[in-house]
């Protein structure tokens, strides 16, 4: 595990995933390159009176929310002396995690799991289950 993608959504489980990475580096004196990723769901728009400006404003708002979500974990990684980059994406969370892992050539995905999805995804969480099946590299889930 040298180049990891840390999917961070601000939830308690994603904070525990970050803490896992911090502890791993400290305990093993590991040198990691961390790619922080926050994925924002794009809104579903209905109606006839949606302008390009409205769509642009919504995307800017989502980008600002993603950037804000990554501030705290970036500070934690910086304080620990861990090399990192911040990334944001829009769309389906599992798909975007898979694409980012491939595009950034990460060898491991680390993420929290909440288990808040449908009954079929209850044990791990619907997003975590999809990520496991879509990503070609090992996925470390932190509960």
Protein backbone atom coordinates (compact mmCIF):
# COMPACT_ATOMS: atom_id res chain seq x y z
CA UNK A 1 0.00 0.00 0.00
CA UNK A 2 1.90 3.02 -1.28
CA UNK A 3 -0.55 5.12 -3.25
CA UNK A 4 -4.01 5.16 -1.75
CA UNK A 5 -7.33 6.73 -2.57
CA UNK A 6 -9.10 7.83 0.60
CA UNK A 7 -12.78 8.42 -0.10
CA UNK A 8 -13.94 11.02 2.41
CA UNK A 9 -17.51 12.23 2.86
CA UNK A 10 -17.25 13.76 6.33
CA UNK A 11 -19.13 10.95 8.05
CA UNK A 12 -17.87 9.36 11.26
CA UNK A 13 -16.89 6.24 9.34
CA UNK A 14 -14.81 8.26 6.85
CA UNK A 15 -13.13 10.00 9.80
CA UNK A 16 -12.25 6.58 11.20
CA UNK A 17 -10.85 5.61 7.77
CA UNK A 18 -8.64 8.70 7.86
CA UNK A 19 -7.53 7.82 11.39
CA UNK A 20 -6.70 4.30 10.20
CA UNK A 21 -4.39 5.76 7.53
CA UNK A 22 -2.76 8.11 10.05
CA UNK A 23 -2.23 5.25 12.53
CA UNK A 24 -0.91 2.96 9.80
CA UNK A 25 1.71 5.51 8.75
CA UNK A 26 2.75 6.14 12.35
CA UNK A 27 2.88 2.47 13.42
CA UNK A 28 4.69 1.20 10.32
CA UNK A 29 6.77 4.26 9.44
CA UNK A 30 5.18 3.92 6.02
CA UNK A 31 5.59 6.37 3.19
CA UNK A 32 2.25 6.85 1.50
CA UNK A 33 0.87 9.12 -1.16
CA UNK A 34 -2.76 9.82 -0.31
CA UNK A 35 -5.37 11.02 -2.76
CA UNK A 36 -8.34 12.46 -0.87
CA UNK A 37 -11.59 12.23 -2.82
CA UNK A 38 -14.98 13.75 -2.10
CA UNK A 39 -17.81 12.89 -4.46
CA UNK A 40 -20.92 15.04 -4.62
CA UNK A 41 -24.20 13.73 -6.02
CA UNK A 42 -25.39 15.90 -8.85
CA UNK A 43 -28.93 17.11 -8.27
CA UNK A 44 -31.79 15.77 -10.33
CA UNK A 45 -33.44 18.73 -11.97
CA UNK A 46 -37.10 18.85 -12.91
CA UNK A 47 -39.01 21.59 -14.66
CA UNK A 48 -38.93 23.76 -17.71
CA UNK A 49 -37.48 26.94 -16.23
CA UNK A 50 -33.97 25.84 -15.39
CA UNK A 51 -31.37 28.15 -16.80
CA UNK A 52 -27.69 27.55 -17.51
CA UNK A 53 -26.88 30.03 -14.73
CA UNK A 54 -28.90 27.99 -12.22
CA UNK A 55 -27.03 24.82 -13.18
CA UNK A 56 -23.69 26.63 -12.99
CA UNK A 57 -24.55 28.01 -9.54
CA UNK A 58 -25.52 24.54 -8.28
CA UNK A 59 -22.24 23.04 -9.55
CA UNK A 60 -20.26 25.84 -7.91
CA UNK A 61 -22.10 25.22 -4.66
CA UNK A 62 -21.40 21.47 -4.86
CA UNK A 63 -17.72 22.16 -5.62
CA UNK A 64 -17.51 24.47 -2.60
CA UNK A 65 -19.11 21.80 -0.40
CA UNK A 66 -16.63 19.20 -1.66
CA UNK A 67 -13.67 21.51 -1.07
CA UNK A 68 -14.91 22.29 2.44
CA UNK A 69 -15.37 18.59 3.23
CA UNK A 70 -11.71 17.95 2.35
CA UNK A 71 -10.24 20.80 4.42
CA UNK A 72 -10.12 18.95 7.74
CA UNK A 73 -8.70 15.64 6.46
CA UNK A 74 -6.11 17.56 4.42
CA UNK A 75 -5.05 19.41 7.58
CA UNK A 76 -4.71 16.09 9.44
CA UNK A 77 -2.57 14.57 6.69
CA UNK A 78 -0.46 17.75 6.48
CA UNK A 79 0.13 17.70 10.24
CA UNK A 80 1.25 14.07 10.00
CA UNK A 81 3.63 14.89 7.17
CA UNK A 82 1.81 12.68 4.66
CA UNK A 83 1.97 13.65 1.00
CA UNK A 84 -1.53 14.15 -0.31
CA UNK A 85 -3.65 15.67 -3.05
CA UNK A 86 -7.29 16.67 -2.93
CA UNK A 87 -9.79 15.69 -5.61
CA UNK A 88 -13.48 16.31 -6.10
CA UNK A 89 -15.91 14.58 -8.42
CA UNK A 90 -19.60 14.74 -9.28
CA UNK A 91 -21.96 11.86 -9.94
CA UNK A 92 -22.42 8.32 -8.72
CA UNK A 93 -20.14 7.78 -5.73
CA UNK A 94 -19.06 4.20 -6.47
CA UNK A 95 -18.41 4.95 -10.14
CA UNK A 96 -16.39 8.06 -9.32
CA UNK A 97 -14.29 6.21 -6.74
CA UNK A 98 -13.59 3.49 -9.30
CA UNK A 99 -12.64 6.02 -11.98
CA UNK A 100 -10.42 7.98 -9.60
CA UNK A 101 -8.61 4.85 -8.41
CA UNK A 102 -7.88 3.93 -12.00
CA UNK A 103 -7.00 7.42 -13.25
CA UNK A 104 -4.73 8.18 -10.28
CA UNK A 105 -3.18 4.69 -10.42
CA UNK A 106 -3.88 3.99 -6.75
CA UNK A 107 -3.02 0.56 -5.42
CA UNK A 108 -5.57 0.61 -2.57
CA UNK A 109 -8.88 2.31 -1.79
CA UNK A 110 -9.60 3.13 1.85
CA UNK A 111 -13.08 4.20 2.85
CA UNK A 112 -15.57 4.08 5.66
CA UNK A 113 -18.77 2.12 5.52
CA UNK A 114 -22.01 3.15 7.12
CA UNK A 115 -24.40 0.38 6.13
CA UNK A 116 -27.32 2.73 5.53
CA UNK A 117 -28.45 1.39 2.16
CA UNK A 118 -31.16 -1.04 1.17
CA UNK A 119 -31.55 -4.46 2.76
CA UNK A 120 -29.16 -6.06 0.26
CA UNK A 121 -26.42 -3.60 1.16
CA UNK A 122 -27.20 -3.41 4.85
CA UNK A 123 -24.19 -5.29 6.16
CA UNK A 124 -21.51 -3.28 4.35
CA UNK A 125 -23.40 -0.37 2.87
CA UNK A 126 -24.63 -0.02 -0.68
CA UNK A 127 -21.80 2.27 -1.83
CA UNK A 128 -19.11 0.09 -0.24
CA UNK A 129 -20.59 -3.01 -1.84
CA UNK A 130 -20.56 -1.39 -5.28
CA UNK A 131 -17.01 -0.11 -4.81
CA UNK A 132 -15.79 -3.61 -3.90
CA UNK A 133 -17.25 -4.96 -7.14
CA UNK A 134 -16.19 -2.08 -9.42
CA UNK A 135 -12.65 -1.28 -8.26
CA UNK A 136 -9.80 -3.38 -9.61
CA UNK A 137 -7.53 -2.81 -6.59
CA UNK A 138 -7.92 -3.92 -2.95
CA UNK A 139 -10.50 -2.00 -0.92
CA UNK A 140 -9.99 -1.51 2.81
CA UNK A 141 -13.29 -0.78 4.58
CA UNK A 142 -13.28 0.85 7.99
CA UNK A 143 -16.43 0.54 10.10
